[in-house]
Amino acid sequence: MKRLFFVLALLLMIALPAQALAVNVPADGSYTVGVTLSGGSGRASVESPAKLQIEGGSMAATIIWSSPNYTYMELGGVKYNPVNTEGNSTFEIPVAALDADIAVNAETVAMSEPHVVEYTLRFGASTLKSQNAGAGQTAPVIIAIAAAIAAVILIAALRRRKKNTKKR
């Protein structure tokens, strides 16, 4: 019986951290994520949800402004140019973390002369939705496998104990 509890504890120790990793670190792929914009005059907005691409553990979001008048965005001293020539200004920018404020500067030419405006973007982890078929199933599969193994071990242990009880 002691072995049974040891094995079950070991399975839980393996399965639970794997589940936590699967939930907290999105796998490579395409997602949508809710994004909020604050700062500036309050008249500008960005499309939400935004597209989020994760590759090799790095995240990049496609930001679509409510205006075609943004000429660049700047994050951490790096300038990003629009990825489109028509329609509302669209940028692909790196995302360091979800559920964290990301300070950005964006230059707009909508006024009489170009102005750089300070904004804050925040990408909500709870709004993350996979665009990959079958994605997001890692944690439930790990839990199901661990539960099945635990059930088999428990049944085997109970049968063994029942046999040993009958022999006495």
N, C-alpha and C. Protein backbone atom coordinates (compact mmCIF):
# COMPACT_ATOMS: atom_id res chain seq x y z
N MET A 1 0.81 -1.19 0.00
CA MET A 1 0.00 0.00 0.00
C MET A 1 0.87 1.27 0.00
N LYS A 2 2.00 1.19 0.70
CA LYS A 2 2.91 2.33 0.73
C LYS A 2 3.44 2.63 -0.67
N ARG A 3 3.72 1.55 -1.42
CA ARG A 3 4.19 1.74 -2.80
C ARG A 3 3.14 2.43 -3.65
N LEU A 4 1.89 2.05 -3.45
CA LEU A 4 0.80 2.64 -4.20
C LEU A 4 0.74 4.15 -3.97
N PHE A 5 0.79 4.56 -2.72
CA PHE A 5 0.76 5.98 -2.43
C PHE A 5 1.99 6.70 -2.98
N PHE A 6 3.14 6.05 -2.93
CA PHE A 6 4.35 6.63 -3.50
C PHE A 6 4.20 6.84 -5.00
N VAL A 7 3.70 5.82 -5.69
CA VAL A 7 3.52 5.91 -7.15
C VAL A 7 2.50 6.99 -7.50
N LEU A 8 1.38 7.03 -6.78
CA LEU A 8 0.37 8.06 -7.04
C LEU A 8 0.94 9.47 -6.79
N ALA A 9 1.68 9.63 -5.72
CA ALA A 9 2.29 10.93 -5.43
C ALA A 9 3.28 11.32 -6.52
N LEU A 10 4.05 10.35 -6.98
CA LEU A 10 5.01 10.61 -8.05
C LEU A 10 4.29 11.03 -9.33
N LEU A 11 3.22 10.33 -9.68
CA LEU A 11 2.45 10.69 -10.88
C LEU A 11 1.89 12.10 -10.78
N LEU A 12 1.37 12.45 -9.62
CA LEU A 12 0.83 13.80 -9.45
C LEU A 12 1.93 14.85 -9.54
N MET A 13 3.09 14.56 -8.98
CA MET A 13 4.21 15.51 -9.05
C MET A 13 4.66 15.72 -10.49
N ILE A 14 4.54 14.71 -11.32
CA ILE A 14 4.93 14.83 -12.72
C ILE A 14 3.83 15.53 -13.51
N ALA A 15 2.58 15.13 -13.31
CA ALA A 15 1.47 15.65 -14.11
C ALA A 15 1.14 17.10 -13.81
N LEU A 16 1.14 17.50 -12.55
CA LEU A 16 0.73 18.86 -12.22
C LEU A 16 1.68 19.93 -12.74
N PRO A 17 3.01 19.80 -12.59
CA PRO A 17 3.88 20.81 -13.19
C PRO A 17 3.75 20.84 -14.72
N ALA A 18 3.56 19.70 -15.34
CA ALA A 18 3.38 19.67 -16.79
C ALA A 18 2.12 20.42 -17.18
N GLN A 19 1.06 20.27 -16.38
CA GLN A 19 -0.18 20.98 -16.66
C GLN A 19 0.05 22.48 -16.50
N ALA A 20 0.74 22.88 -15.45
CA ALA A 20 0.99 24.30 -15.23
C ALA A 20 1.78 24.90 -16.38
N LEU A 21 2.77 24.18 -16.87
CA LEU A 21 3.55 24.68 -18.00
C LEU A 21 2.69 24.81 -19.25
N ALA A 22 1.85 23.83 -19.49
CA ALA A 22 1.01 23.85 -20.68
C ALA A 22 0.03 25.02 -20.64
N VAL A 23 -0.43 25.40 -19.46
CA VAL A 23 -1.40 26.48 -19.35
C VAL A 23 -0.71 27.84 -19.38
N ASN A 24 0.43 28.00 -18.71
CA ASN A 24 1.07 29.30 -18.57
C ASN A 24 1.97 29.69 -19.72
N VAL A 25 2.47 28.75 -20.47
CA VAL A 25 3.35 29.05 -21.59
C VAL A 25 2.67 28.57 -22.86
N PRO A 26 2.11 29.49 -23.63
CA PRO A 26 1.43 29.06 -24.85
C PRO A 26 2.40 28.36 -25.81
N ALA A 27 1.90 27.34 -26.44
CA ALA A 27 2.70 26.61 -27.42
C ALA A 27 2.84 27.45 -28.69
N ASP A 28 3.83 27.12 -29.49
CA ASP A 28 3.99 27.80 -30.77
C ASP A 28 2.71 27.68 -31.57
N GLY A 29 2.34 28.74 -32.26
CA GLY A 29 1.14 28.71 -33.08
C GLY A 29 0.52 30.08 -33.22
N SER A 30 -0.67 30.10 -33.80
CA SER A 30 -1.41 31.33 -34.03
C SER A 30 -2.55 31.45 -33.02
N TYR A 31 -2.71 32.64 -32.48
CA TYR A 31 -3.72 32.90 -31.47
C TYR A 31 -4.39 34.25 -31.74
N THR A 32 -5.48 34.49 -31.04
CA THR A 32 -6.01 35.84 -30.90
C THR A 32 -5.95 36.15 -29.41
N VAL A 33 -5.81 37.42 -29.10
CA VAL A 33 -5.71 37.84 -27.71
C VAL A 33 -6.32 39.23 -27.58
N GLY A 34 -7.07 39.43 -26.51
CA GLY A 34 -7.63 40.74 -26.25
C GLY A 34 -6.54 41.73 -25.88
N VAL A 35 -6.64 42.92 -26.43
CA VAL A 35 -5.63 43.95 -26.15
C VAL A 35 -6.34 45.23 -25.77
N THR A 36 -5.83 45.90 -24.74
CA THR A 36 -6.36 47.19 -24.33
C THR A 36 -5.29 48.25 -24.55
N LEU A 37 -5.76 49.43 -24.92
CA LEU A 37 -4.88 50.57 -25.18
C LEU A 37 -5.25 51.68 -24.22
N SER A 38 -4.25 52.25 -23.58
CA SER A 38 -4.49 53.42 -22.73
C SER A 38 -3.44 54.47 -23.07
N GLY A 39 -3.73 55.70 -22.68
CA GLY A 39 -2.82 56.80 -22.96
C GLY A 39 -3.30 57.62 -24.14
N GLY A 40 -2.50 58.59 -24.52
CA GLY A 40 -2.88 59.45 -25.64
C GLY A 40 -4.09 60.30 -25.28
N SER A 41 -4.78 60.74 -26.30
CA SER A 41 -5.94 61.62 -26.10
C SER A 41 -7.21 60.83 -25.80
N GLY A 42 -7.16 59.53 -25.98
CA GLY A 42 -8.35 58.72 -25.77
C GLY A 42 -9.18 58.55 -27.03
N ARG A 43 -8.79 59.21 -28.12
CA ARG A 43 -9.56 59.10 -29.36
C ARG A 43 -9.11 57.92 -30.22
N ALA A 44 -7.85 57.51 -30.07
CA ALA A 44 -7.32 56.39 -30.86
C ALA A 44 -7.69 55.08 -30.19
N SER A 45 -7.74 54.04 -30.98
CA SER A 45 -7.97 52.69 -30.44
C SER A 45 -7.23 51.69 -31.32
N VAL A 46 -7.14 50.47 -30.83
CA VAL A 46 -6.56 49.38 -31.60
C VAL A 46 -7.58 48.25 -31.67
N GLU A 47 -7.51 47.48 -32.73
CA GLU A 47 -8.44 46.37 -32.92
C GLU A 47 -8.19 45.29 -31.88
N SER A 48 -9.28 44.82 -31.29
CA SER A 48 -9.18 43.75 -30.30
C SER A 48 -10.30 42.76 -30.55
N PRO A 49 -10.00 41.48 -30.60
CA PRO A 49 -8.70 40.88 -30.29
C PRO A 49 -7.69 41.09 -31.42
N ALA A 50 -6.44 40.98 -31.05
CA ALA A 50 -5.34 41.11 -32.00
C ALA A 50 -4.81 39.72 -32.33
N LYS A 51 -4.18 39.59 -33.48
CA LYS A 51 -3.52 38.33 -33.83
C LYS A 51 -2.21 38.25 -33.05
N LEU A 52 -1.92 37.05 -32.54
CA LEU A 52 -0.69 36.82 -31.80
C LEU A 52 -0.03 35.58 -32.36
N GLN A 53 1.20 35.70 -32.79
CA GLN A 53 1.96 34.57 -33.33
C GLN A 53 3.06 34.22 -32.33
N ILE A 54 3.14 32.93 -31.99
CA ILE A 54 4.18 32.48 -31.06
C ILE A 54 5.05 31.48 -31.80
N GLU A 55 6.35 31.76 -31.80
CA GLU A 55 7.30 30.91 -32.50
C GLU A 55 8.59 30.86 -31.69
N GLY A 56 8.99 29.65 -31.33
CA GLY A 56 10.22 29.49 -30.55
C GLY A 56 10.15 30.19 -29.20
N GLY A 57 8.96 30.31 -28.65
CA GLY A 57 8.79 30.97 -27.35
C GLY A 57 8.69 32.48 -27.43
N SER A 58 8.86 33.06 -28.63
CA SER A 58 8.74 34.50 -28.81
C SER A 58 7.35 34.85 -29.33
N MET A 59 6.78 35.92 -28.78
CA MET A 59 5.44 36.34 -29.18
C MET A 59 5.51 37.63 -29.99
N ALA A 60 4.68 37.71 -31.04
CA ALA A 60 4.57 38.92 -31.86
C ALA A 60 3.09 39.17 -32.14
N ALA A 61 2.65 40.40 -31.92
CA ALA A 61 1.25 40.76 -32.13
C ALA A 61 1.11 41.65 -33.37
N THR A 62 -0.03 41.52 -34.02
CA THR A 62 -0.38 42.40 -35.13
C THR A 62 -1.33 43.45 -34.56
N ILE A 63 -0.87 44.69 -34.53
CA ILE A 63 -1.65 45.80 -34.00
C ILE A 63 -2.23 46.59 -35.16
N ILE A 64 -3.56 46.73 -35.17
CA ILE A 64 -4.25 47.51 -36.20
C ILE A 64 -4.88 48.72 -35.52
N TRP A 65 -4.41 49.90 -35.88
CA TRP A 65 -4.90 51.13 -35.30
C TRP A 65 -6.24 51.53 -35.92
N SER A 66 -6.94 52.43 -35.27
CA SER A 66 -8.21 52.94 -35.77
C SER A 66 -8.01 54.06 -36.79
N SER A 67 -6.78 54.27 -37.20
CA SER A 67 -6.44 55.38 -38.10
C SER A 67 -5.33 54.94 -39.06
N PRO A 68 -5.31 55.50 -40.27
CA PRO A 68 -4.22 55.20 -41.19
C PRO A 68 -3.03 56.15 -41.01
N ASN A 69 -3.05 56.97 -39.98
CA ASN A 69 -2.07 58.06 -39.85
C ASN A 69 -0.89 57.78 -38.94
N TYR A 70 -0.69 56.54 -38.53
CA TYR A 70 0.49 56.21 -37.71
C TYR A 70 1.64 55.80 -38.61
N THR A 71 2.79 56.46 -38.42
CA THR A 71 3.94 56.21 -39.30
C THR A 71 4.96 55.24 -38.71
N TYR A 72 5.01 55.13 -37.39
CA TYR A 72 5.86 54.13 -36.75
C TYR A 72 5.41 53.91 -35.31
N MET A 73 5.83 52.77 -34.76
CA MET A 73 5.68 52.48 -33.33
C MET A 73 7.06 52.22 -32.78
N GLU A 74 7.26 52.55 -31.52
CA GLU A 74 8.56 52.33 -30.89
C GLU A 74 8.36 51.63 -29.56
N LEU A 75 9.14 50.55 -29.38
CA LEU A 75 9.13 49.78 -28.13
C LEU A 75 10.57 49.57 -27.70
N GLY A 76 10.89 49.93 -26.50
CA GLY A 76 12.23 49.70 -25.99
C GLY A 76 13.34 50.27 -26.87
N GLY A 77 13.09 51.41 -27.48
CA GLY A 77 14.09 52.04 -28.32
C GLY A 77 14.17 51.50 -29.74
N VAL A 78 13.34 50.53 -30.09
CA VAL A 78 13.34 49.96 -31.44
C VAL A 78 12.10 50.45 -32.18
N LYS A 79 12.31 51.00 -33.40
CA LYS A 79 11.19 51.49 -34.20
C LYS A 79 10.67 50.39 -35.12
N TYR A 80 9.35 50.34 -35.24
CA TYR A 80 8.68 49.38 -36.11
C TYR A 80 7.83 50.16 -37.11
N ASN A 81 8.02 49.85 -38.38
CA ASN A 81 7.28 50.51 -39.45
C ASN A 81 6.01 49.72 -39.76
N PRO A 82 5.03 50.39 -40.36
CA PRO A 82 3.80 49.68 -40.72
C PRO A 82 4.09 48.55 -41.70
N VAL A 83 3.27 47.49 -41.63
CA VAL A 83 3.43 46.36 -42.54
C VAL A 83 2.44 46.46 -43.70
N ASN A 84 1.69 47.57 -43.77
CA ASN A 84 0.74 47.76 -44.85
C ASN A 84 0.91 49.15 -45.46
N THR A 85 0.34 49.36 -46.65
CA THR A 85 0.41 50.66 -47.31
C THR A 85 -0.98 51.28 -47.48
N GLU A 86 -2.02 50.48 -47.31
CA GLU A 86 -3.39 50.98 -47.43
C GLU A 86 -4.19 50.57 -46.20
N GLY A 87 -5.22 51.35 -45.91
CA GLY A 87 -6.06 51.04 -44.76
C GLY A 87 -5.45 51.56 -43.48
N ASN A 88 -6.02 51.15 -42.36
CA ASN A 88 -5.52 51.61 -41.06
C ASN A 88 -4.12 51.08 -40.80
N SER A 89 -3.31 51.89 -40.13
CA SER A 89 -1.92 51.54 -39.86
C SER A 89 -1.84 50.22 -39.09
N THR A 90 -1.02 49.31 -39.60
CA THR A 90 -0.88 47.97 -39.02
C THR A 90 0.59 47.70 -38.76
N PHE A 91 0.88 47.20 -37.55
CA PHE A 91 2.26 46.93 -37.14
C PHE A 91 2.36 45.53 -36.57
N GLU A 92 3.52 44.93 -36.73
CA GLU A 92 3.85 43.68 -36.05
C GLU A 92 4.91 44.02 -35.02
N ILE A 93 4.56 43.80 -33.75
CA ILE A 93 5.46 44.17 -32.66
C ILE A 93 5.68 42.99 -31.72
N PRO A 94 6.84 42.94 -31.06
CA PRO A 94 7.07 41.87 -30.09
C PRO A 94 6.25 42.10 -28.82
N VAL A 95 5.87 40.99 -28.19
CA VAL A 95 5.14 41.05 -26.92
C VAL A 95 5.99 40.28 -25.91
N ALA A 96 6.48 41.00 -24.91
CA ALA A 96 7.37 40.38 -23.92
C ALA A 96 6.60 39.46 -22.98
N ALA A 97 5.37 39.85 -22.61
CA ALA A 97 4.61 39.06 -21.65
C ALA A 97 3.13 39.40 -21.75
N LEU A 98 2.31 38.44 -21.42
CA LEU A 98 0.87 38.67 -21.32
C LEU A 98 0.57 39.21 -19.93
N ASP A 99 -0.53 39.91 -19.79
CA ASP A 99 -0.95 40.49 -18.50
C ASP A 99 0.08 41.43 -17.92
N ALA A 100 0.78 42.14 -18.78
CA ALA A 100 1.77 43.13 -18.33
C ALA A 100 1.61 44.39 -19.18
N ASP A 101 1.82 45.54 -18.57
CA ASP A 101 1.76 46.79 -19.33
C ASP A 101 2.99 46.92 -20.21
N ILE A 102 2.76 47.27 -21.47
CA ILE A 102 3.85 47.44 -22.43
C ILE A 102 3.80 48.88 -22.92
N ALA A 103 4.83 49.65 -22.60
CA ALA A 103 4.90 51.05 -23.01
C ALA A 103 5.33 51.14 -24.47
N VAL A 104 4.57 51.90 -25.25
CA VAL A 104 4.90 52.11 -26.66
C VAL A 104 4.75 53.58 -27.00
N ASN A 105 5.51 54.02 -27.96
CA ASN A 105 5.33 55.35 -28.54
C ASN A 105 4.89 55.14 -29.97
N ALA A 106 3.99 56.00 -30.44
CA ALA A 106 3.53 55.90 -31.82
C ALA A 106 3.47 57.31 -32.41
N GLU A 107 4.02 57.43 -33.61
CA GLU A 107 3.98 58.73 -34.27
C GLU A 107 2.75 58.80 -35.16
N THR A 108 2.00 59.89 -35.00
CA THR A 108 0.83 60.13 -35.85
C THR A 108 1.01 61.42 -36.62
N VAL A 109 0.51 61.42 -37.84
CA VAL A 109 0.56 62.61 -38.69
C VAL A 109 -0.86 63.14 -38.90
N ALA A 110 -1.78 62.76 -38.01
CA ALA A 110 -3.17 63.18 -38.15
C ALA A 110 -3.36 64.66 -37.80
N MET A 111 -2.43 65.23 -37.04
CA MET A 111 -2.54 66.63 -36.65
C MET A 111 -1.75 67.49 -37.65
N SER A 112 -1.64 68.76 -37.41
CA SER A 112 -0.98 69.66 -38.35
C SER A 112 0.48 69.30 -38.58
N GLU A 113 1.10 68.67 -37.61
CA GLU A 113 2.48 68.21 -37.75
C GLU A 113 2.62 66.88 -37.01
N PRO A 114 3.66 66.08 -37.33
CA PRO A 114 3.81 64.77 -36.67
C PRO A 114 3.98 64.92 -35.15
N HIS A 115 3.32 64.03 -34.42
CA HIS A 115 3.43 63.99 -32.96
C HIS A 115 3.70 62.56 -32.53
N VAL A 116 4.59 62.41 -31.55
CA VAL A 116 4.82 61.10 -30.95
C VAL A 116 3.98 61.06 -29.67
N VAL A 117 3.15 60.01 -29.58
CA VAL A 117 2.22 59.89 -28.47
C VAL A 117 2.59 58.64 -27.66
N GLU A 118 2.55 58.76 -26.33
CA GLU A 118 2.84 57.63 -25.45
C GLU A 118 1.56 56.86 -25.16
N TYR A 119 1.65 55.53 -25.32
CA TYR A 119 0.52 54.64 -25.05
C TYR A 119 0.99 53.47 -24.20
N THR A 120 0.04 52.74 -23.66
CA THR A 120 0.31 51.49 -22.98
C THR A 120 -0.60 50.42 -23.57
N LEU A 121 -0.01 49.30 -23.96
CA LEU A 121 -0.76 48.14 -24.45
C LEU A 121 -0.74 47.07 -23.38
N ARG A 122 -1.82 46.32 -23.28
CA ARG A 122 -1.88 45.19 -22.35
C ARG A 122 -2.63 44.05 -23.04
N PHE A 123 -1.97 42.91 -23.12
CA PHE A 123 -2.53 41.72 -23.76
C PHE A 123 -3.00 40.77 -22.65
N GLY A 124 -4.28 40.44 -22.66
CA GLY A 124 -4.87 39.64 -21.57
C GLY A 124 -4.74 38.15 -21.79
N ALA A 125 -4.04 37.47 -20.90
CA ALA A 125 -3.84 36.02 -21.00
C ALA A 125 -5.17 35.26 -20.97
N SER A 126 -6.13 35.76 -20.21
CA SER A 126 -7.41 35.05 -20.10
C SER A 126 -8.22 35.10 -21.40
N THR A 127 -7.83 35.98 -22.31
CA THR A 127 -8.55 36.10 -23.59
C THR A 127 -7.87 35.34 -24.72
N LEU A 128 -6.75 34.69 -24.42
CA LEU A 128 -5.97 33.98 -25.44
C LEU A 128 -6.78 32.82 -26.02
N LYS A 129 -6.91 32.80 -27.35
CA LYS A 129 -7.64 31.72 -28.03
C LYS A 129 -6.79 31.21 -29.18
N SER A 130 -6.60 29.91 -29.21
CA SER A 130 -5.79 29.29 -30.24
C SER A 130 -6.52 29.29 -31.57
N GLN A 131 -5.79 29.50 -32.64
CA GLN A 131 -6.33 29.41 -33.99
C GLN A 131 -5.85 28.13 -34.66
N ASN A 132 -5.13 27.28 -33.90
CA ASN A 132 -4.61 26.02 -34.40
C ASN A 132 -5.61 24.92 -34.09
N ALA A 133 -5.90 24.07 -35.04
CA ALA A 133 -6.83 22.96 -34.82
C ALA A 133 -6.24 22.02 -33.77
N GLY A 134 -7.03 21.72 -32.73
CA GLY A 134 -6.61 20.78 -31.71
C GLY A 134 -5.63 21.34 -30.70
N ALA A 135 -5.29 22.61 -30.81
CA ALA A 135 -4.33 23.19 -29.87
C ALA A 135 -5.01 23.42 -28.53
N GLY A 136 -4.21 23.57 -27.51
CA GLY A 136 -4.73 23.83 -26.19
C GLY A 136 -5.21 22.57 -25.47
N GLN A 137 -4.92 21.41 -26.02
CA GLN A 137 -5.38 20.17 -25.42
C GLN A 137 -4.30 19.47 -24.61
N THR A 138 -3.13 20.04 -24.49
CA THR A 138 -2.01 19.40 -23.81
C THR A 138 -2.32 19.08 -22.35
N ALA A 139 -2.78 20.06 -21.60
CA ALA A 139 -3.03 19.85 -20.18
C ALA A 139 -4.10 18.79 -19.93
N PRO A 140 -5.26 18.85 -20.59
CA PRO A 140 -6.26 17.80 -20.35
C PRO A 140 -5.76 16.41 -20.72
N VAL A 141 -4.95 16.29 -21.75
CA VAL A 141 -4.42 14.98 -22.14
C VAL A 141 -3.47 14.46 -21.07
N ILE A 142 -2.62 15.31 -20.55
CA ILE A 142 -1.68 14.89 -19.50
C ILE A 142 -2.45 14.45 -18.26
N ILE A 143 -3.46 15.21 -17.89
CA ILE A 143 -4.25 14.85 -16.71
C ILE A 143 -4.96 13.52 -16.93
N ALA A 144 -5.54 13.34 -18.13
CA ALA A 144 -6.24 12.09 -18.43
C ALA A 144 -5.30 10.89 -18.38
N ILE A 145 -4.12 11.03 -18.92
CA ILE A 145 -3.14 9.94 -18.90
C ILE A 145 -2.74 9.62 -17.46
N ALA A 146 -2.45 10.66 -16.67
CA ALA A 146 -2.06 10.45 -15.27
C ALA A 146 -3.19 9.78 -14.49
N ALA A 147 -4.42 10.22 -14.73
CA ALA A 147 -5.56 9.62 -14.03
C ALA A 147 -5.74 8.16 -14.43
N ALA A 148 -5.58 7.85 -15.72
CA ALA A 148 -5.73 6.46 -16.18
C ALA A 148 -4.66 5.57 -15.56
N ILE A 149 -3.42 6.04 -15.53
CA ILE A 149 -2.34 5.27 -14.92
C ILE A 149 -2.61 5.05 -13.43
N ALA A 150 -3.03 6.12 -12.76
CA ALA A 150 -3.33 6.01 -11.33
C ALA A 150 -4.46 5.01 -11.09
N ALA A 151 -5.48 5.05 -11.95
CA ALA A 151 -6.61 4.11 -11.79
C ALA A 151 -6.16 2.67 -11.98
N VAL A 152 -5.34 2.41 -12.98
CA VAL A 152 -4.84 1.05 -13.23
C VAL A 152 -4.03 0.56 -12.03
N ILE A 153 -3.17 1.42 -11.50
CA ILE A 153 -2.35 1.04 -10.35
C ILE A 153 -3.23 0.79 -9.14
N LEU A 154 -4.22 1.64 -8.92
CA LEU A 154 -5.11 1.47 -7.78
C LEU A 154 -5.90 0.17 -7.88
N ILE A 155 -6.44 -0.12 -9.07
CA ILE A 155 -7.20 -1.36 -9.26
C ILE A 155 -6.31 -2.58 -9.03
N ALA A 156 -5.11 -2.54 -9.57
CA ALA A 156 -4.17 -3.66 -9.38
C ALA A 156 -3.84 -3.84 -7.91
N ALA A 157 -3.64 -2.75 -7.20
CA ALA A 157 -3.31 -2.84 -5.78
C ALA A 157 -4.49 -3.38 -4.98
N LEU A 158 -5.69 -2.96 -5.30
CA LEU A 158 -6.87 -3.46 -4.59
C LEU A 158 -7.09 -4.95 -4.86
N ARG A 159 -6.90 -5.38 -6.10
CA ARG A 159 -7.03 -6.81 -6.42
C ARG A 159 -5.99 -7.63 -5.67
N ARG A 160 -4.79 -7.12 -5.64
CA ARG A 160 -3.71 -7.82 -4.94
C ARG A 160 -4.03 -7.92 -3.45
N ARG A 161 -4.53 -6.84 -2.90
CA ARG A 161 -4.85 -6.85 -1.46
C ARG A 161 -6.01 -7.82 -1.18
N LYS A 162 -7.00 -7.84 -2.08
CA LYS A 162 -8.13 -8.75 -1.92
C LYS A 162 -7.66 -10.20 -1.98
N LYS A 163 -6.74 -10.52 -2.91
CA LYS A 163 -6.19 -11.87 -3.02
C LYS A 163 -5.45 -12.26 -1.75
N ASN A 164 -4.63 -11.32 -1.25
CA ASN A 164 -3.84 -11.59 -0.04
C ASN A 164 -4.75 -11.78 1.17
N THR A 165 -5.85 -11.07 1.22
CA THR A 165 -6.80 -11.19 2.33
C THR A 165 -7.48 -12.56 2.30
N LYS A 166 -7.84 -13.06 1.11
CA LYS A 166 -8.50 -14.37 0.97
C LYS A 166 -7.56 -15.50 1.36
N LYS A 167 -6.28 -15.38 1.11
CA LYS A 167 -5.30 -16.45 1.42
C LYS A 167 -5.15 -16.60 2.92
N ARG A 168 -5.37 -15.61 3.69
CA ARG A 168 -5.15 -15.65 5.14
C ARG A 168 -6.21 -16.38 5.81
